């Protein structure tokens, strides 16, 4: 039997390393997530504008909307933008974020409702680099 918590912790460490490689920002797991409800999974001391929730699952075709709702609660609490990073076993890692969080930094017109966008880690990091360079 596989330990779900260990799988989650390993995935969080993997994402920390990927984000470090792409953004040159040190991330670490937020161990407070096990003690306090609605904490994101990763934290950093840099001015990173997102709360990151990491999920990994063996089956399915896409993310669970419950995961998105979880990161929405965390982001409201932390006053940051939500981002969900997930992987289905043997599939590429995907990032989910609200389209308005992409449009606003590039001086676009926000959309009245929530539209979620799914992308790769390199695409997400390109957006973050642009946001941080403003």
Protein backbone atom coordinates (compact mmCIF):
# COMPACT_ATOMS: atom_id res chain seq x y z
CA UNK A 1 0.00 0.00 0.00
CA UNK A 2 1.29 3.45 -0.92
CA UNK A 3 1.46 6.28 1.58
CA UNK A 4 -0.50 9.20 0.06
CA UNK A 5 1.15 11.75 2.32
CA UNK A 6 4.63 10.61 1.23
CA UNK A 7 3.61 10.79 -2.45
CA UNK A 8 2.28 14.31 -1.88
CA UNK A 9 5.43 15.42 -0.04
CA UNK A 10 7.67 14.01 -2.80
CA UNK A 11 5.62 15.79 -5.45
CA UNK A 12 5.84 19.08 -3.51
CA UNK A 13 9.64 18.72 -3.36
CA UNK A 14 9.72 18.02 -7.10
CA UNK A 15 7.75 21.21 -7.76
CA UNK A 16 10.04 23.20 -5.44
CA UNK A 17 13.01 22.05 -7.51
CA UNK A 18 11.32 22.73 -10.85
CA UNK A 19 10.32 26.24 -9.80
CA UNK A 20 13.84 26.90 -8.47
CA UNK A 21 15.33 25.81 -11.80
CA UNK A 22 12.89 27.89 -13.85
CA UNK A 23 12.54 31.01 -11.68
CA UNK A 24 15.66 30.98 -9.51
CA UNK A 25 13.42 31.33 -6.45
CA UNK A 26 13.84 29.09 -3.41
CA UNK A 27 10.61 27.35 -2.37
CA UNK A 28 9.99 25.05 0.55
CA UNK A 29 7.11 22.96 1.75
CA UNK A 30 4.79 24.75 4.17
CA UNK A 31 4.57 22.30 7.05
CA UNK A 32 1.87 24.48 8.62
CA UNK A 33 -0.48 22.96 6.04
CA UNK A 34 -0.74 19.87 8.26
CA UNK A 35 -1.71 21.90 11.34
CA UNK A 36 -3.84 24.71 9.94
CA UNK A 37 -6.62 24.49 7.40
CA UNK A 38 -6.39 26.34 4.07
CA UNK A 39 -2.64 26.80 3.79
CA UNK A 40 -0.92 26.41 0.43
CA UNK A 41 1.67 23.70 -0.06
CA UNK A 42 4.72 25.79 -0.98
CA UNK A 43 6.12 29.00 0.45
CA UNK A 44 8.97 31.33 -0.41
CA UNK A 45 10.53 34.43 1.08
CA UNK A 46 10.50 36.16 -2.32
CA UNK A 47 7.68 38.43 -3.53
CA UNK A 48 5.96 35.54 -5.33
CA UNK A 49 2.32 36.54 -6.07
CA UNK A 50 0.77 33.06 -5.90
CA UNK A 51 -0.39 30.50 -3.37
CA UNK A 52 0.66 27.10 -4.73
CA UNK A 53 -1.38 23.96 -4.18
CA UNK A 54 0.21 20.70 -5.41
CA UNK A 55 -1.76 17.54 -6.14
CA UNK A 56 -0.86 14.18 -7.60
CA UNK A 57 -3.29 11.40 -8.44
CA UNK A 58 -3.05 8.01 -10.10
CA UNK A 59 -6.27 8.11 -12.14
CA UNK A 60 -8.47 10.54 -13.99
CA UNK A 61 -8.25 12.79 -17.02
CA UNK A 62 -7.84 16.20 -15.40
CA UNK A 63 -7.76 18.01 -12.07
CA UNK A 64 -10.58 17.93 -9.53
CA UNK A 65 -12.52 21.16 -9.07
CA UNK A 66 -12.32 20.45 -5.31
CA UNK A 67 -8.57 21.06 -5.61
CA UNK A 68 -9.23 24.43 -7.24
CA UNK A 69 -11.69 25.35 -4.50
CA UNK A 70 -9.05 24.45 -1.91
CA UNK A 71 -6.47 26.79 -3.46
CA UNK A 72 -9.12 29.52 -3.77
CA UNK A 73 -9.66 29.38 0.00
CA UNK A 74 -5.90 29.44 0.63
CA UNK A 75 -5.33 32.35 -1.72
CA UNK A 76 -8.12 34.39 -0.12
CA UNK A 77 -6.59 33.78 3.30
CA UNK A 78 -3.06 34.67 2.11
CA UNK A 79 -4.23 37.55 -0.16
CA UNK A 80 -2.43 36.10 -3.17
CA UNK A 81 -3.44 34.62 -6.52
CA UNK A 82 -4.31 30.92 -6.68
CA UNK A 83 -2.35 28.39 -8.71
CA UNK A 84 -2.85 24.63 -8.80
CA UNK A 85 -0.01 22.39 -9.95
CA UNK A 86 -0.99 18.79 -10.50
CA UNK A 87 0.09 15.57 -12.13
CA UNK A 88 -1.80 12.46 -13.07
CA UNK A 89 0.50 9.43 -12.96
CA UNK A 90 2.59 9.02 -16.12
CA UNK A 91 1.34 12.37 -17.47
CA UNK A 92 3.05 15.75 -17.74
CA UNK A 93 2.78 18.19 -14.86
CA UNK A 94 0.08 20.80 -15.46
CA UNK A 95 -0.61 24.22 -13.96
CA UNK A 96 -4.10 25.68 -13.55
CA UNK A 97 -4.76 29.36 -12.97
CA UNK A 98 -7.44 31.96 -13.55
CA UNK A 99 -7.22 33.66 -16.94
CA UNK A 100 -7.68 37.08 -15.28
CA UNK A 101 -4.43 36.55 -13.38
CA UNK A 102 -2.72 36.32 -16.77
CA UNK A 103 -4.65 39.10 -18.50
CA UNK A 104 -4.23 41.83 -15.86
CA UNK A 105 -0.39 41.96 -15.78
CA UNK A 106 -0.35 42.27 -19.57
CA UNK A 107 -2.78 45.22 -19.51
CA UNK A 108 -5.68 43.22 -20.91
CA UNK A 109 -9.33 43.66 -20.06
CA UNK A 110 -10.42 41.30 -17.26
CA UNK A 111 -13.27 38.89 -17.87
CA UNK A 112 -16.36 39.08 -15.64
CA UNK A 113 -16.34 35.41 -14.70
CA UNK A 114 -13.81 32.79 -13.74
CA UNK A 115 -12.12 31.08 -16.69
CA UNK A 116 -9.48 28.55 -15.77
CA UNK A 117 -6.46 27.98 -17.99
CA UNK A 118 -4.31 24.87 -17.96
CA UNK A 119 -0.66 25.09 -19.06
CA UNK A 120 2.78 23.55 -18.68
CA UNK A 121 5.28 24.48 -15.96
CA UNK A 122 7.53 26.37 -18.47
CA UNK A 123 4.53 28.42 -19.68
CA UNK A 124 3.53 29.26 -16.11
CA UNK A 125 7.10 30.27 -15.28
CA UNK A 126 7.27 32.51 -18.35
CA UNK A 127 4.14 34.33 -17.09
CA UNK A 128 5.58 34.62 -13.58
CA UNK A 129 8.86 36.04 -14.91
CA UNK A 130 6.92 38.70 -16.83
CA UNK A 131 4.88 39.54 -13.73
CA UNK A 132 7.96 39.83 -11.55
CA UNK A 133 9.73 42.02 -14.13
CA UNK A 134 6.97 44.65 -14.03
